[in-house]
Amino acid sequence: QVQLVESGGGLVQAGGSLRLSCAASGGTFGFIALAWYRQAPGKQRELVASISSGGGTTCAGSVKGRFTISRDNTKNTMYLQMYSLRPEDTAVYYCYADTGYWGQGTQVTVSS
């Protein structure tokens, strides 16, 4: 069983930066594909970025060039570096392991 704990969310002004972390325990971290999702109030949860066990990445068009996903298998941790944040990036951000596990989420609020 994989447990995921997000951290790093908060309140930031438009144009600012944040780095989210997702710490994993249980399972074999290095062999698991991971992803970041987000859910804004009244909207469906959407995929932000994903990273394979080999390090290959994908990124949603809305965040391409502003967000970077990465992982450190020695620390069992995944990251989402977010630059040039916009009010529309406001959401709860969740990490997801492709074995079917979700974290509890971390709130990101971007003020205009």
Protein backbone atom coordinates (compact mmCIF):
# COMPACT_ATOMS: atom_id res chain seq x y z
CA GLN A 1 0.00 0.00 0.00
CA VAL A 2 1.32 3.43 -0.99
CA GLN A 3 0.79 6.47 1.19
CA LEU A 4 1.21 9.92 -0.34
CA VAL A 5 1.55 13.19 1.57
CA GLU A 6 1.60 16.54 -0.22
CA SER A 7 3.11 19.72 1.13
CA GLY A 8 4.19 23.14 -0.07
CA GLY A 9 0.86 24.73 -0.90
CA GLY A 10 -0.08 28.20 0.23
CA LEU A 11 -1.13 31.69 -0.75
CA VAL A 12 0.93 33.50 -3.36
CA GLN A 13 0.47 36.57 -5.53
CA ALA A 14 0.05 36.27 -9.29
CA GLY A 15 3.43 35.88 -10.92
CA GLY A 16 4.88 34.13 -7.89
CA SER A 17 6.27 30.64 -7.46
CA LEU A 18 5.67 27.61 -5.29
CA ARG A 19 7.15 24.13 -5.10
CA LEU A 20 4.89 21.27 -4.12
CA SER A 21 6.27 18.04 -2.71
CA CYS A 22 4.71 14.60 -2.54
CA ALA A 23 6.38 12.20 -0.13
CA ALA A 24 5.61 8.53 -0.62
CA SER A 25 5.87 5.58 1.73
CA GLY A 26 5.17 1.93 1.08
CA GLY A 27 5.40 0.32 -2.31
CA THR A 28 8.42 0.47 -4.56
CA PHE A 29 8.63 4.16 -5.35
CA GLY A 30 11.12 3.92 -8.18
CA PHE A 31 8.85 1.66 -10.21
CA ILE A 32 5.69 3.73 -9.86
CA ALA A 33 4.43 6.30 -12.33
CA LEU A 34 3.19 9.43 -10.59
CA ALA A 35 1.15 12.48 -11.41
CA TRP A 36 -0.15 15.78 -10.10
CA TYR A 37 -3.84 16.59 -10.46
CA ARG A 38 -5.74 19.66 -9.37
CA GLN A 39 -9.34 20.47 -8.62
CA ALA A 40 -10.72 23.98 -8.52
CA PRO A 41 -14.04 24.76 -6.80
CA GLY A 42 -16.94 23.62 -8.95
CA LYS A 43 -14.70 21.97 -11.52
CA GLN A 44 -13.62 18.44 -12.28
CA ARG A 45 -10.25 17.15 -11.18
CA GLU A 46 -7.76 17.57 -14.02
CA LEU A 47 -4.34 16.18 -14.81
CA VAL A 48 -1.57 18.75 -14.45
CA ALA A 49 1.55 16.70 -15.13
CA SER A 50 2.81 13.15 -14.96
CA ILE A 51 6.16 11.42 -14.66
CA SER A 52 6.94 7.82 -15.51
CA SER A 53 9.16 5.51 -13.51
CA GLY A 54 11.88 6.23 -16.07
CA GLY A 55 11.53 9.99 -15.72
CA GLY A 56 9.56 10.74 -18.86
CA THR A 57 7.14 13.62 -18.33
CA THR A 58 3.94 15.04 -19.72
CA CYS A 59 2.38 18.39 -18.95
CA ALA A 60 -1.04 19.94 -19.54
CA GLY A 61 -1.09 22.68 -22.12
CA SER A 62 -2.38 25.22 -19.60
CA VAL A 63 0.77 24.90 -17.48
CA LYS A 64 3.39 24.06 -20.10
CA GLY A 65 6.41 26.29 -19.76
CA ARG A 66 5.40 27.34 -16.24
CA PHE A 67 5.27 24.07 -14.26
CA THR A 68 7.90 21.35 -14.05
CA ILE A 69 7.38 17.88 -12.59
CA SER A 70 10.29 15.90 -11.23
CA ARG A 71 11.07 13.07 -8.86
CA ASP A 72 13.88 12.03 -6.56
CA ASN A 73 13.77 8.28 -6.13
CA THR A 74 16.43 8.42 -3.40
CA LYS A 75 14.03 10.50 -1.30
CA ASN A 76 10.79 8.81 -2.42
CA THR A 77 9.53 12.27 -3.33
CA MET A 78 7.91 13.90 -6.33
CA TYR A 79 7.88 17.63 -6.94
CA LEU A 80 5.91 20.20 -8.88
CA GLN A 81 7.78 23.44 -9.40
CA MET A 82 5.33 26.18 -10.34
CA TYR A 83 6.39 29.52 -11.79
CA SER A 84 4.41 32.51 -13.09
CA LEU A 85 1.35 31.47 -11.14
CA ARG A 86 -2.02 32.79 -12.22
CA PRO A 87 -5.31 33.15 -10.33
CA GLU A 88 -6.70 30.33 -12.49
CA ASP A 89 -4.09 27.99 -11.01
CA THR A 90 -5.96 28.22 -7.69
CA ALA A 91 -6.99 24.69 -6.73
CA VAL A 92 -6.36 21.80 -4.42
CA TYR A 93 -3.39 19.90 -5.82
CA TYR A 94 -3.25 16.13 -5.40
CA CYS A 95 -0.52 13.64 -6.09
CA TYR A 96 -1.43 10.30 -7.55
CA ALA A 97 0.38 6.99 -7.88
CA ASP A 98 -0.63 4.82 -10.81
CA THR A 99 -1.22 1.94 -8.42
CA GLY A 100 -4.41 3.79 -7.54
CA TYR A 101 -3.47 5.88 -4.51
CA TRP A 102 -4.15 9.56 -3.87
CA GLY A 103 -2.73 12.03 -1.42
CA GLN A 104 -4.95 14.23 0.74
CA GLY A 105 -4.26 17.36 -1.30
CA THR A 106 -2.65 20.71 -0.66
CA GLN A 107 -4.33 24.05 -1.31
CA VAL A 108 -2.75 26.53 -3.71
CA THR A 109 -4.31 29.98 -3.82
CA VAL A 110 -3.09 32.63 -6.26
CA SER A 111 -4.28 36.16 -5.62
CA SER A 112 -4.57 38.73 -8.39
